[in-house]
Amino acid sequence: MSGFRSETYQATPQEALEVAKKSMTPMINQTIYQDIGGDEQQITGSTTQLDDIGIKYVLLPIWISSYVYKNKTYQFAINGYTGQVSGKRPFSPGKIIALVLVILIVIALIFFLVSKGRH
């Protein structure tokens, strides 16, 4: 990865396999329920056999950055594969209060119009 900043692996192959098993279990169970069908199912157990297990390392792009807003630093990360953005953002108390007031005015207006239409 010459010229690019990168990280080393964050999990051993055994740890990654356990994470994969845990993430597959709900999908396997959902498939079992869908295959059985009907209104009610009683499944007492299931067994999953994994064959031909291999390790493949992938390079996933991630962008990490930060910015300063009103003398406070905010960091964020963007997953280049999924597009998911994580991090904290600044909130504007004035805009939040204004939004709440607009919502209350709309509710009051609707209430007023509905009550006026009854008379």
N, C-alpha and C. Protein backbone atom coordinates (compact mmCIF):
# COMPACT_ATOMS: atom_id res chain seq x y z
N MET A 1 0.83 -1.18 0.00
CA MET A 1 0.00 0.00 0.00
C MET A 1 0.88 1.24 0.00
N SER A 2 1.84 1.25 -0.87
CA SER A 2 2.76 2.36 -0.94
C SER A 2 2.03 3.66 -1.27
N GLY A 3 2.28 4.68 -0.47
CA GLY A 3 1.67 5.98 -0.69
C GLY A 3 0.33 6.16 -0.01
N PHE A 4 -0.19 5.12 0.63
CA PHE A 4 -1.46 5.21 1.33
C PHE A 4 -1.29 4.81 2.78
N ARG A 5 -2.03 5.46 3.64
CA ARG A 5 -2.02 5.11 5.05
C ARG A 5 -2.94 3.92 5.25
N SER A 6 -2.49 2.92 5.97
CA SER A 6 -3.33 1.74 6.17
C SER A 6 -3.13 1.19 7.57
N GLU A 7 -4.01 0.28 7.96
CA GLU A 7 -3.94 -0.36 9.27
C GLU A 7 -3.65 -1.83 9.09
N THR A 8 -3.18 -2.45 10.16
CA THR A 8 -2.99 -3.89 10.14
C THR A 8 -4.32 -4.55 10.50
N TYR A 9 -4.35 -5.88 10.42
CA TYR A 9 -5.57 -6.62 10.72
C TYR A 9 -5.97 -6.38 12.17
N GLN A 10 -7.28 -6.28 12.40
CA GLN A 10 -7.78 -5.99 13.74
C GLN A 10 -8.32 -7.23 14.44
N ALA A 11 -8.39 -8.35 13.75
CA ALA A 11 -8.90 -9.59 14.34
C ALA A 11 -8.11 -10.77 13.79
N THR A 12 -7.94 -11.76 14.63
CA THR A 12 -7.30 -13.00 14.17
C THR A 12 -8.31 -13.77 13.32
N PRO A 13 -7.85 -14.71 12.50
CA PRO A 13 -8.81 -15.50 11.70
C PRO A 13 -9.84 -16.22 12.57
N GLN A 14 -9.43 -16.71 13.73
CA GLN A 14 -10.36 -17.41 14.62
C GLN A 14 -11.43 -16.44 15.16
N GLU A 15 -11.01 -15.23 15.55
CA GLU A 15 -11.97 -14.23 16.03
C GLU A 15 -12.93 -13.83 14.93
N ALA A 16 -12.41 -13.65 13.73
CA ALA A 16 -13.25 -13.26 12.60
C ALA A 16 -14.27 -14.36 12.27
N LEU A 17 -13.86 -15.62 12.39
CA LEU A 17 -14.78 -16.74 12.14
C LEU A 17 -15.92 -16.73 13.15
N GLU A 18 -15.62 -16.47 14.41
CA GLU A 18 -16.66 -16.42 15.44
C GLU A 18 -17.63 -15.27 15.18
N VAL A 19 -17.10 -14.12 14.78
CA VAL A 19 -17.96 -12.98 14.45
C VAL A 19 -18.87 -13.34 13.27
N ALA A 20 -18.30 -14.00 12.26
CA ALA A 20 -19.08 -14.40 11.08
C ALA A 20 -20.18 -15.39 11.48
N LYS A 21 -19.87 -16.34 12.32
CA LYS A 21 -20.87 -17.31 12.77
C LYS A 21 -22.02 -16.61 13.49
N LYS A 22 -21.67 -15.67 14.38
CA LYS A 22 -22.71 -14.95 15.13
C LYS A 22 -23.59 -14.11 14.21
N SER A 23 -23.00 -13.55 13.15
CA SER A 23 -23.80 -12.73 12.24
C SER A 23 -24.63 -13.60 11.29
N MET A 24 -24.21 -14.84 11.04
CA MET A 24 -24.96 -15.72 10.14
C MET A 24 -26.13 -16.41 10.84
N THR A 25 -26.03 -16.64 12.15
CA THR A 25 -27.04 -17.40 12.87
C THR A 25 -28.45 -16.84 12.72
N PRO A 26 -28.68 -15.52 12.90
CA PRO A 26 -30.05 -15.01 12.71
C PRO A 26 -30.59 -15.24 11.30
N MET A 27 -29.73 -15.11 10.30
CA MET A 27 -30.19 -15.32 8.92
C MET A 27 -30.51 -16.79 8.66
N ILE A 28 -29.72 -17.68 9.22
CA ILE A 28 -29.98 -19.11 9.07
C ILE A 28 -31.31 -19.46 9.74
N ASN A 29 -31.53 -18.95 10.96
CA ASN A 29 -32.79 -19.22 11.66
C ASN A 29 -33.98 -18.65 10.90
N GLN A 30 -33.84 -17.46 10.34
CA GLN A 30 -34.93 -16.86 9.57
C GLN A 30 -35.24 -17.72 8.34
N THR A 31 -34.22 -18.24 7.70
CA THR A 31 -34.42 -19.11 6.53
C THR A 31 -35.15 -20.38 6.93
N ILE A 32 -34.80 -20.95 8.09
CA ILE A 32 -35.49 -22.16 8.57
C ILE A 32 -36.97 -21.86 8.79
N TYR A 33 -37.28 -20.74 9.46
CA TYR A 33 -38.67 -20.37 9.71
C TYR A 33 -39.44 -20.16 8.41
N GLN A 34 -38.80 -19.53 7.43
CA GLN A 34 -39.46 -19.28 6.14
C GLN A 34 -39.70 -20.58 5.39
N ASP A 35 -38.73 -21.50 5.47
CA ASP A 35 -38.89 -22.79 4.77
C ASP A 35 -40.02 -23.62 5.37
N ILE A 36 -40.18 -23.56 6.70
CA ILE A 36 -41.24 -24.32 7.35
C ILE A 36 -42.59 -23.68 7.06
N GLY A 37 -42.67 -22.37 7.16
CA GLY A 37 -43.91 -21.66 6.89
C GLY A 37 -44.93 -21.87 8.00
N GLY A 38 -46.15 -21.46 7.74
CA GLY A 38 -47.23 -21.63 8.72
C GLY A 38 -47.27 -20.50 9.73
N ASP A 39 -48.26 -20.60 10.62
CA ASP A 39 -48.46 -19.57 11.63
C ASP A 39 -47.57 -19.75 12.85
N GLU A 40 -47.30 -21.00 13.19
CA GLU A 40 -46.54 -21.28 14.40
C GLU A 40 -45.50 -22.34 14.11
N GLN A 41 -44.29 -22.11 14.59
CA GLN A 41 -43.24 -23.10 14.43
C GLN A 41 -42.65 -23.42 15.79
N GLN A 42 -42.30 -24.68 15.96
CA GLN A 42 -41.60 -25.09 17.18
C GLN A 42 -40.32 -25.78 16.75
N ILE A 43 -39.23 -25.04 16.82
CA ILE A 43 -37.93 -25.59 16.44
C ILE A 43 -37.14 -25.81 17.72
N THR A 44 -36.79 -27.05 17.96
CA THR A 44 -36.06 -27.35 19.20
C THR A 44 -34.56 -27.22 19.04
N GLY A 45 -34.08 -27.21 17.82
CA GLY A 45 -32.65 -27.05 17.61
C GLY A 45 -32.30 -27.10 16.14
N SER A 46 -31.12 -26.65 15.84
CA SER A 46 -30.62 -26.73 14.47
C SER A 46 -29.11 -26.89 14.52
N THR A 47 -28.58 -27.48 13.49
CA THR A 47 -27.14 -27.68 13.40
C THR A 47 -26.66 -27.12 12.07
N THR A 48 -25.58 -26.37 12.13
CA THR A 48 -25.01 -25.79 10.93
C THR A 48 -23.61 -26.38 10.74
N GLN A 49 -23.33 -26.82 9.52
CA GLN A 49 -22.02 -27.36 9.21
C GLN A 49 -21.34 -26.43 8.22
N LEU A 50 -20.15 -26.00 8.56
CA LEU A 50 -19.38 -25.12 7.68
C LEU A 50 -18.33 -25.95 6.95
N ASP A 51 -18.34 -25.88 5.64
CA ASP A 51 -17.39 -26.62 4.82
C ASP A 51 -16.50 -25.64 4.06
N ASP A 52 -15.31 -26.08 3.76
CA ASP A 52 -14.38 -25.34 2.91
C ASP A 52 -14.16 -23.92 3.42
N ILE A 53 -13.84 -23.80 4.71
CA ILE A 53 -13.60 -22.50 5.33
C ILE A 53 -12.24 -22.00 4.87
N GLY A 54 -12.20 -20.76 4.43
CA GLY A 54 -10.95 -20.15 3.99
C GLY A 54 -10.84 -18.73 4.50
N ILE A 55 -9.67 -18.19 4.38
CA ILE A 55 -9.42 -16.82 4.82
C ILE A 55 -9.11 -15.98 3.60
N LYS A 56 -9.81 -14.85 3.50
CA LYS A 56 -9.54 -13.90 2.43
C LYS A 56 -9.42 -12.53 3.06
N TYR A 57 -8.32 -11.90 2.86
CA TYR A 57 -8.11 -10.56 3.38
C TYR A 57 -8.58 -9.56 2.33
N VAL A 58 -9.28 -8.55 2.77
CA VAL A 58 -9.77 -7.52 1.86
C VAL A 58 -9.28 -6.16 2.34
N LEU A 59 -9.12 -5.28 1.41
CA LEU A 59 -8.77 -3.90 1.73
C LEU A 59 -10.03 -3.06 1.52
N LEU A 60 -10.51 -2.48 2.60
CA LEU A 60 -11.72 -1.67 2.53
C LEU A 60 -11.35 -0.21 2.74
N PRO A 61 -11.81 0.66 1.86
CA PRO A 61 -11.48 2.08 2.01
C PRO A 61 -12.29 2.72 3.14
N ILE A 62 -11.63 3.53 3.90
CA ILE A 62 -12.30 4.31 4.94
C ILE A 62 -11.63 5.67 4.99
N TRP A 63 -12.44 6.69 5.09
CA TRP A 63 -11.91 8.04 5.17
C TRP A 63 -12.20 8.58 6.56
N ILE A 64 -11.18 9.10 7.20
CA ILE A 64 -11.31 9.65 8.54
C ILE A 64 -10.87 11.11 8.46
N SER A 65 -11.68 11.98 9.04
CA SER A 65 -11.35 13.40 9.01
C SER A 65 -11.94 14.08 10.24
N SER A 66 -11.59 15.33 10.40
CA SER A 66 -12.15 16.12 11.49
C SER A 66 -12.23 17.58 11.03
N TYR A 67 -13.06 18.33 11.73
CA TYR A 67 -13.19 19.75 11.44
C TYR A 67 -13.46 20.49 12.74
N VAL A 68 -13.21 21.76 12.72
CA VAL A 68 -13.42 22.61 13.90
C VAL A 68 -14.61 23.51 13.63
N TYR A 69 -15.55 23.52 14.54
CA TYR A 69 -16.72 24.38 14.44
C TYR A 69 -16.95 25.01 15.80
N LYS A 70 -16.93 26.31 15.86
CA LYS A 70 -17.09 27.08 17.09
C LYS A 70 -16.12 26.58 18.18
N ASN A 71 -14.86 26.49 17.81
CA ASN A 71 -13.76 26.11 18.70
C ASN A 71 -13.90 24.71 19.29
N LYS A 72 -14.67 23.83 18.64
CA LYS A 72 -14.78 22.45 19.09
C LYS A 72 -14.48 21.53 17.91
N THR A 73 -13.68 20.50 18.14
CA THR A 73 -13.29 19.59 17.08
C THR A 73 -14.28 18.44 16.97
N TYR A 74 -14.73 18.17 15.75
CA TYR A 74 -15.65 17.07 15.46
C TYR A 74 -14.95 16.10 14.52
N GLN A 75 -14.95 14.82 14.86
CA GLN A 75 -14.33 13.80 14.02
C GLN A 75 -15.42 12.95 13.37
N PHE A 76 -15.13 12.47 12.17
CA PHE A 76 -16.07 11.58 11.50
C PHE A 76 -15.30 10.60 10.62
N ALA A 77 -15.98 9.50 10.30
CA ALA A 77 -15.40 8.49 9.43
C ALA A 77 -16.44 8.08 8.40
N ILE A 78 -15.98 7.80 7.19
CA ILE A 78 -16.87 7.36 6.13
C ILE A 78 -16.38 6.01 5.63
N ASN A 79 -17.27 5.02 5.66
CA ASN A 79 -16.95 3.70 5.14
C ASN A 79 -17.09 3.76 3.63
N GLY A 80 -15.99 3.59 2.92
CA GLY A 80 -15.98 3.69 1.47
C GLY A 80 -16.70 2.56 0.78
N TYR A 81 -16.98 1.48 1.50
CA TYR A 81 -17.69 0.34 0.91
C TYR A 81 -19.19 0.52 1.02
N THR A 82 -19.67 0.89 2.21
CA THR A 82 -21.11 1.01 2.44
C THR A 82 -21.62 2.45 2.34
N GLY A 83 -20.72 3.41 2.49
CA GLY A 83 -21.13 4.81 2.48
C GLY A 83 -21.64 5.29 3.84
N GLN A 84 -21.59 4.42 4.83
CA GLN A 84 -22.07 4.79 6.17
C GLN A 84 -21.13 5.81 6.80
N VAL A 85 -21.72 6.85 7.36
CA VAL A 85 -20.96 7.91 8.01
C VAL A 85 -21.17 7.78 9.51
N SER A 86 -20.10 7.86 10.28
CA SER A 86 -20.23 7.82 11.73
C SER A 86 -19.43 8.96 12.33
N GLY A 87 -19.90 9.45 13.44
CA GLY A 87 -19.24 10.56 14.11
C GLY A 87 -20.29 11.44 14.77
N LYS A 88 -19.83 12.49 15.38
CA LYS A 88 -20.74 13.43 16.04
C LYS A 88 -20.77 14.72 15.25
N ARG A 89 -21.92 15.36 15.30
CA ARG A 89 -22.07 16.63 14.59
C ARG A 89 -22.55 17.69 15.56
N PRO A 90 -22.32 18.94 15.23
CA PRO A 90 -22.79 20.01 16.11
C PRO A 90 -24.31 20.20 15.98
N PHE A 91 -24.93 20.59 17.07
CA PHE A 91 -26.36 20.90 17.07
C PHE A 91 -26.53 22.39 17.29
N SER A 92 -27.54 22.95 16.65
CA SER A 92 -27.84 24.36 16.81
C SER A 92 -29.07 24.50 17.70
N PRO A 93 -28.90 24.93 18.95
CA PRO A 93 -30.06 25.06 19.84
C PRO A 93 -31.13 25.99 19.27
N GLY A 94 -30.73 27.05 18.60
CA GLY A 94 -31.69 27.97 18.00
C GLY A 94 -32.56 27.30 16.95
N LYS A 95 -31.95 26.49 16.10
CA LYS A 95 -32.71 25.80 15.05
C LYS A 95 -33.63 24.74 15.65
N ILE A 96 -33.18 24.07 16.69
CA ILE A 96 -34.02 23.05 17.34
C ILE A 96 -35.23 23.71 17.98
N ILE A 97 -35.03 24.83 18.68
CA ILE A 97 -36.14 25.55 19.30
C ILE A 97 -37.10 26.07 18.24
N ALA A 98 -36.56 26.59 17.14
CA ALA A 98 -37.41 27.10 16.06
C ALA A 98 -38.26 25.97 15.46
N LEU A 99 -37.67 24.79 15.27
CA LEU A 99 -38.41 23.66 14.73
C LEU A 99 -39.54 23.25 15.67
N VAL A 100 -39.27 23.18 16.96
CA VAL A 100 -40.29 22.82 17.94
C VAL A 100 -41.43 23.85 17.92
N LEU A 101 -41.08 25.12 17.85
CA LEU A 101 -42.11 26.16 17.80
C LEU A 101 -42.97 26.05 16.54
N VAL A 102 -42.36 25.79 15.40
CA VAL A 102 -43.11 25.63 14.15
C VAL A 102 -44.07 24.45 14.27
N ILE A 103 -43.59 23.34 14.83
CA ILE A 103 -44.45 22.16 15.00
C ILE A 103 -45.63 22.49 15.92
N LEU A 104 -45.38 23.19 17.03
CA LEU A 104 -46.44 23.56 17.95
C LEU A 104 -47.45 24.50 17.29
N ILE A 105 -46.97 25.43 16.47
CA ILE A 105 -47.87 26.35 15.76
C ILE A 105 -48.75 25.59 14.78
N VAL A 106 -48.16 24.64 14.06
CA VAL A 106 -48.94 23.84 13.10
C VAL A 106 -50.00 23.03 13.84
N ILE A 107 -49.64 22.41 14.95
CA ILE A 107 -50.60 21.63 15.74
C ILE A 107 -51.72 22.55 16.25
N ALA A 108 -51.36 23.72 16.76
CA ALA A 108 -52.36 24.66 17.26
C ALA A 108 -53.29 25.12 16.14
N LEU A 109 -52.73 25.38 14.96
CA LEU A 109 -53.52 25.80 13.81
C LEU A 109 -54.50 24.71 13.39
N ILE A 110 -54.03 23.48 13.33
CA ILE A 110 -54.91 22.35 12.98
C ILE A 110 -56.01 22.21 14.02
N PHE A 111 -55.66 22.29 15.29
CA PHE A 111 -56.65 22.18 16.36
C PHE A 111 -57.68 23.30 16.24
N PHE A 112 -57.21 24.51 15.96
CA PHE A 112 -58.11 25.66 15.82
C PHE A 112 -59.07 25.46 14.64
N LEU A 113 -58.54 25.01 13.51
CA LEU A 113 -59.38 24.82 12.32
C LEU A 113 -60.39 23.70 12.51
N VAL A 114 -59.98 22.62 13.17
CA VAL A 114 -60.88 21.52 13.42
C VAL A 114 -61.99 21.93 14.38
N SER A 115 -61.63 22.64 15.47
CA SER A 115 -62.64 23.07 16.43
C SER A 115 -63.57 24.13 15.84
N LYS A 116 -63.06 24.97 14.94
CA LYS A 116 -63.88 26.01 14.31
C LYS A 116 -64.87 25.37 13.34
N GLY A 117 -64.45 24.28 12.68
CA GLY A 117 -65.32 23.60 11.73
C GLY A 117 -66.47 22.87 12.40
N ARG A 118 -66.36 22.55 13.67
CA ARG A 118 -67.42 21.85 14.40
C ARG A 118 -68.56 22.79 14.77
N HIS A 119 -68.27 24.09 14.86
CA HIS A 119 -69.29 25.06 15.29
C HIS A 119 -70.06 25.58 14.12
